[in-house]
């Protein structure tokens, strides 16, 4: 029997669903979520969390299965990473966290047409 397409999955709420699923994944692995969708002119941080003494900034990329044959990771470009690093600096300053260690992670999610997780990949401590 063919899987029914989730009637509510649009581009915008597919991203929101992916971020919600990524946050749940992180919580189950001992991360403490500090903030979500921090947004300034420079850019946006999807999830800000902490694991131990490290502040972790997580970019979430979500695609529906069979979406043009792309993997979510392909949507995380060097330009996006550069904007995120500037946004991270602002976040750290605004929240008096400049003295903390931090890292940038990527969670790539592929969802079924019904909105279930088909594949989740977590890339930790990215550098460019």
C-alpha atoms as a PDB file:
ATOM      1  CA  UNK A   1       0.000   0.000   0.000  1.00  0.00           C
ATOM      2  CA  UNK A   2       1.431   3.372  -0.975  1.00  0.00           C
ATOM      3  CA  UNK A   3       2.268   5.810   1.780  1.00  0.00           C
ATOM      4  CA  UNK A   4      -0.111   8.765   1.926  1.00  0.00           C
ATOM      5  CA  UNK A   5       1.361  12.203   1.511  1.00  0.00           C
ATOM      6  CA  UNK A   6       1.069  14.219   4.699  1.00  0.00           C
ATOM      7  CA  UNK A   7      -1.525  16.878   3.777  1.00  0.00           C
ATOM      8  CA  UNK A   8       0.140  19.576   5.866  1.00  0.00           C
ATOM      9  CA  UNK A   9       3.724  19.243   4.591  1.00  0.00           C
ATOM     10  CA  UNK A  10       4.678  22.412   2.768  1.00  0.00           C
ATOM     11  CA  UNK A  11       8.194  23.740   2.303  1.00  0.00           C
ATOM     12  CA  UNK A  12       7.928  25.957   5.388  1.00  0.00           C
ATOM     13  CA  UNK A  13       6.445  23.434   7.762  1.00  0.00           C
ATOM     14  CA  UNK A  14       8.693  20.646   6.476  1.00  0.00           C
ATOM     15  CA  UNK A  15      11.572  22.753   7.798  1.00  0.00           C
ATOM     16  CA  UNK A  16       9.774  23.361  11.101  1.00  0.00           C
ATOM     17  CA  UNK A  17       8.980  19.654  11.448  1.00  0.00           C
ATOM     18  CA  UNK A  18      12.634  18.848  10.762  1.00  0.00           C
ATOM     19  CA  UNK A  19      13.761  21.308  13.431  1.00  0.00           C
ATOM     20  CA  UNK A  20      11.295  19.826  15.938  1.00  0.00           C
ATOM     21  CA  UNK A  21      12.531  16.296  15.175  1.00  0.00           C
ATOM     22  CA  UNK A  22      16.166  17.423  15.438  1.00  0.00           C
ATOM     23  CA  UNK A  23      15.483  19.058  18.818  1.00  0.00           C
ATOM     24  CA  UNK A  24      13.886  15.819  20.075  1.00  0.00           C
ATOM     25  CA  UNK A  25      16.903  13.856  18.811  1.00  0.00           C
ATOM     26  CA  UNK A  26      19.284  16.205  20.653  1.00  0.00           C
ATOM     27  CA  UNK A  27      17.303  16.091  23.896  1.00  0.00           C
ATOM     28  CA  UNK A  28      17.374  12.275  23.855  1.00  0.00           C
ATOM     29  CA  UNK A  29      21.152  12.441  23.556  1.00  0.00           C
ATOM     30  CA  UNK A  30      21.661  14.653  26.594  1.00  0.00           C
ATOM     31  CA  UNK A  31      21.741  18.086  24.992  1.00  0.00           C
ATOM     32  CA  UNK A  32      19.958  20.971  26.702  1.00  0.00           C
ATOM     33  CA  UNK A  33      18.116  23.188  24.198  1.00  0.00           C
ATOM     34  CA  UNK A  34      18.762  26.848  25.047  1.00  0.00           C
ATOM     35  CA  UNK A  35      17.151  28.627  22.111  1.00  0.00           C
ATOM     36  CA  UNK A  36      15.415  28.029  18.806  1.00  0.00           C
ATOM     37  CA  UNK A  37      15.215  30.152  15.660  1.00  0.00           C
ATOM     38  CA  UNK A  38      17.441  32.995  16.815  1.00  0.00           C
ATOM     39  CA  UNK A  39      17.214  35.449  13.934  1.00  0.00           C
ATOM     40  CA  UNK A  40      19.042  38.675  13.061  1.00  0.00           C
ATOM     41  CA  UNK A  41      19.770  40.436   9.773  1.00  0.00           C
ATOM     42  CA  UNK A  42      22.927  38.372   9.271  1.00  0.00           C
ATOM     43  CA  UNK A  43      21.139  35.051   9.523  1.00  0.00           C
ATOM     44  CA  UNK A  44      19.324  32.519  11.658  1.00  0.00           C
ATOM     45  CA  UNK A  45      20.370  29.819  14.102  1.00  0.00           C
ATOM     46  CA  UNK A  46      17.959  26.892  14.051  1.00  0.00           C
ATOM     47  CA  UNK A  47      18.843  25.341  17.416  1.00  0.00           C
ATOM     48  CA  UNK A  48      21.176  26.532  20.159  1.00  0.00           C
ATOM     49  CA  UNK A  49      21.930  23.902  22.760  1.00  0.00           C
ATOM     50  CA  UNK A  50      24.495  22.872  25.303  1.00  0.00           C
ATOM     51  CA  UNK A  51      26.238  19.585  25.921  1.00  0.00           C
ATOM     52  CA  UNK A  52      28.494  19.631  28.919  1.00  0.00           C
ATOM     53  CA  UNK A  53      30.368  22.923  28.835  1.00  0.00           C
ATOM     54  CA  UNK A  54      30.088  23.383  25.063  1.00  0.00           C
ATOM     55  CA  UNK A  55      27.491  25.593  23.383  1.00  0.00           C
ATOM     56  CA  UNK A  56      26.348  23.827  20.205  1.00  0.00           C
ATOM     57  CA  UNK A  57      24.806  25.718  17.282  1.00  0.00           C
ATOM     58  CA  UNK A  58      22.839  23.316  15.101  1.00  0.00           C
ATOM     59  CA  UNK A  59      21.802  23.958  11.514  1.00  0.00           C
ATOM     60  CA  UNK A  60      18.979  21.677  10.424  1.00  0.00           C
ATOM     61  CA  UNK A  61      18.425  20.802   6.770  1.00  0.00           C
ATOM     62  CA  UNK A  62      15.322  18.789   5.926  1.00  0.00           C
ATOM     63  CA  UNK A  63      14.059  17.359   2.652  1.00  0.00           C
ATOM     64  CA  UNK A  64      11.249  15.018   1.739  1.00  0.00           C
ATOM     65  CA  UNK A  65      12.348  11.704   0.229  1.00  0.00           C
ATOM     66  CA  UNK A  66      12.788  11.712  -3.531  1.00  0.00           C
ATOM     67  CA  UNK A  67      12.963  15.500  -3.554  1.00  0.00           C
ATOM     68  CA  UNK A  68      14.913  16.078  -6.773  1.00  0.00           C
ATOM     69  CA  UNK A  69      17.476  13.450  -5.751  1.00  0.00           C
ATOM     70  CA  UNK A  70      19.263  15.894  -3.443  1.00  0.00           C
ATOM     71  CA  UNK A  71      20.610  15.173  -0.016  1.00  0.00           C
ATOM     72  CA  UNK A  72      19.872  17.804   2.636  1.00  0.00           C
ATOM     73  CA  UNK A  73      23.594  18.362   3.211  1.00  0.00           C
ATOM     74  CA  UNK A  74      23.930  19.856  -0.271  1.00  0.00           C
ATOM     75  CA  UNK A  75      21.891  22.826   0.932  1.00  0.00           C
ATOM     76  CA  UNK A  76      24.495  23.695   3.599  1.00  0.00           C
ATOM     77  CA  UNK A  77      26.954  25.811   1.650  1.00  0.00           C
ATOM     78  CA  UNK A  78      30.164  27.572   2.630  1.00  0.00           C
ATOM     79  CA  UNK A  79      28.304  30.865   2.310  1.00  0.00           C
ATOM     80  CA  UNK A  80      25.661  29.629   4.756  1.00  0.00           C
ATOM     81  CA  UNK A  81      28.376  28.493   7.164  1.00  0.00           C
ATOM     82  CA  UNK A  82      30.107  31.895   6.952  1.00  0.00           C
ATOM     83  CA  UNK A  83      26.824  33.720   7.719  1.00  0.00           C
ATOM     84  CA  UNK A  84      26.168  31.342  10.600  1.00  0.00           C
ATOM     85  CA  UNK A  85      29.589  31.994  12.118  1.00  0.00           C
ATOM     86  CA  UNK A  86      28.860  35.741  12.143  1.00  0.00           C
ATOM     87  CA  UNK A  87      25.423  35.123  13.638  1.00  0.00           C
ATOM     88  CA  UNK A  88      26.977  32.867  16.277  1.00  0.00           C
ATOM     89  CA  UNK A  89      29.319  35.661  17.332  1.00  0.00           C
ATOM     90  CA  UNK A  90      26.359  38.011  17.793  1.00  0.00           C
ATOM     91  CA  UNK A  91      24.459  35.369  19.783  1.00  0.00           C
ATOM     92  CA  UNK A  92      27.448  34.754  22.064  1.00  0.00           C
ATOM     93  CA  UNK A  93      27.878  38.495  22.701  1.00  0.00           C
ATOM     94  CA  UNK A  94      24.168  39.156  23.305  1.00  0.00           C
ATOM     95  CA  UNK A  95      23.926  36.264  25.760  1.00  0.00           C
ATOM     96  CA  UNK A  96      27.190  36.902  27.635  1.00  0.00           C
ATOM     97  CA  UNK A  97      28.621  33.590  26.423  1.00  0.00           C
ATOM     98  CA  UNK A  98      31.747  34.877  24.670  1.00  0.00           C
ATOM     99  CA  UNK A  99      33.974  32.992  27.106  1.00  0.00           C
ATOM    100  CA  UNK A 100      32.319  29.625  26.347  1.00  0.00           C
ATOM    101  CA  UNK A 101      33.569  26.937  23.998  1.00  0.00           C
ATOM    102  CA  UNK A 102      31.249  26.389  21.069  1.00  0.00           C
ATOM    103  CA  UNK A 103      30.850  24.292  17.966  1.00  0.00           C
ATOM    104  CA  UNK A 104      28.724  24.220  14.835  1.00  0.00           C
ATOM    105  CA  UNK A 105      26.820  21.027  13.988  1.00  0.00           C
ATOM    106  CA  UNK A 106      24.608  20.027  11.081  1.00  0.00           C
ATOM    107  CA  UNK A 107      21.643  17.687  11.279  1.00  0.00           C
ATOM    108  CA  UNK A 108      20.446  16.444   7.888  1.00  0.00           C
ATOM    109  CA  UNK A 109      16.990  14.900   7.841  1.00  0.00           C
ATOM    110  CA  UNK A 110      15.201  13.021   5.111  1.00  0.00           C
ATOM    111  CA  UNK A 111      11.489  12.578   5.769  1.00  0.00           C
ATOM    112  CA  UNK A 112       8.991  10.240   4.188  1.00  0.00           C
ATOM    113  CA  UNK A 113       6.014  11.798   2.427  1.00  0.00           C
ATOM    114  CA  UNK A 114       4.062  11.061   5.628  1.00  0.00           C
ATOM    115  CA  UNK A 115       6.493  13.126   7.708  1.00  0.00           C
ATOM    116  CA  UNK A 116       8.355  10.271   9.427  1.00  0.00           C
ATOM    117  CA  UNK A 117      12.138  10.239   9.716  1.00  0.00           C
ATOM    118  CA  UNK A 118      13.646   8.128   6.957  1.00  0.00           C
ATOM    119  CA  UNK A 119      17.232   9.143   7.664  1.00  0.00           C
ATOM    120  CA  UNK A 120      18.959  11.444  10.164  1.00  0.00           C
ATOM    121  CA  UNK A 121      22.656  12.283   9.989  1.00  0.00           C
ATOM    122  CA  UNK A 122      24.382  14.376  12.662  1.00  0.00           C
ATOM    123  CA  UNK A 123      27.670  16.034  11.698  1.00  0.00           C
ATOM    124  CA  UNK A 124      29.463  17.405  14.717  1.00  0.00           C
ATOM    125  CA  UNK A 125      31.960  20.259  15.095  1.00  0.00           C
ATOM    126  CA  UNK A 126      32.079  21.442  11.488  1.00  0.00           C
ATOM    127  CA  UNK A 127      34.879  23.708  10.344  1.00  0.00           C
ATOM    128  CA  UNK A 128      35.555  25.511   7.101  1.00  0.00           C
END
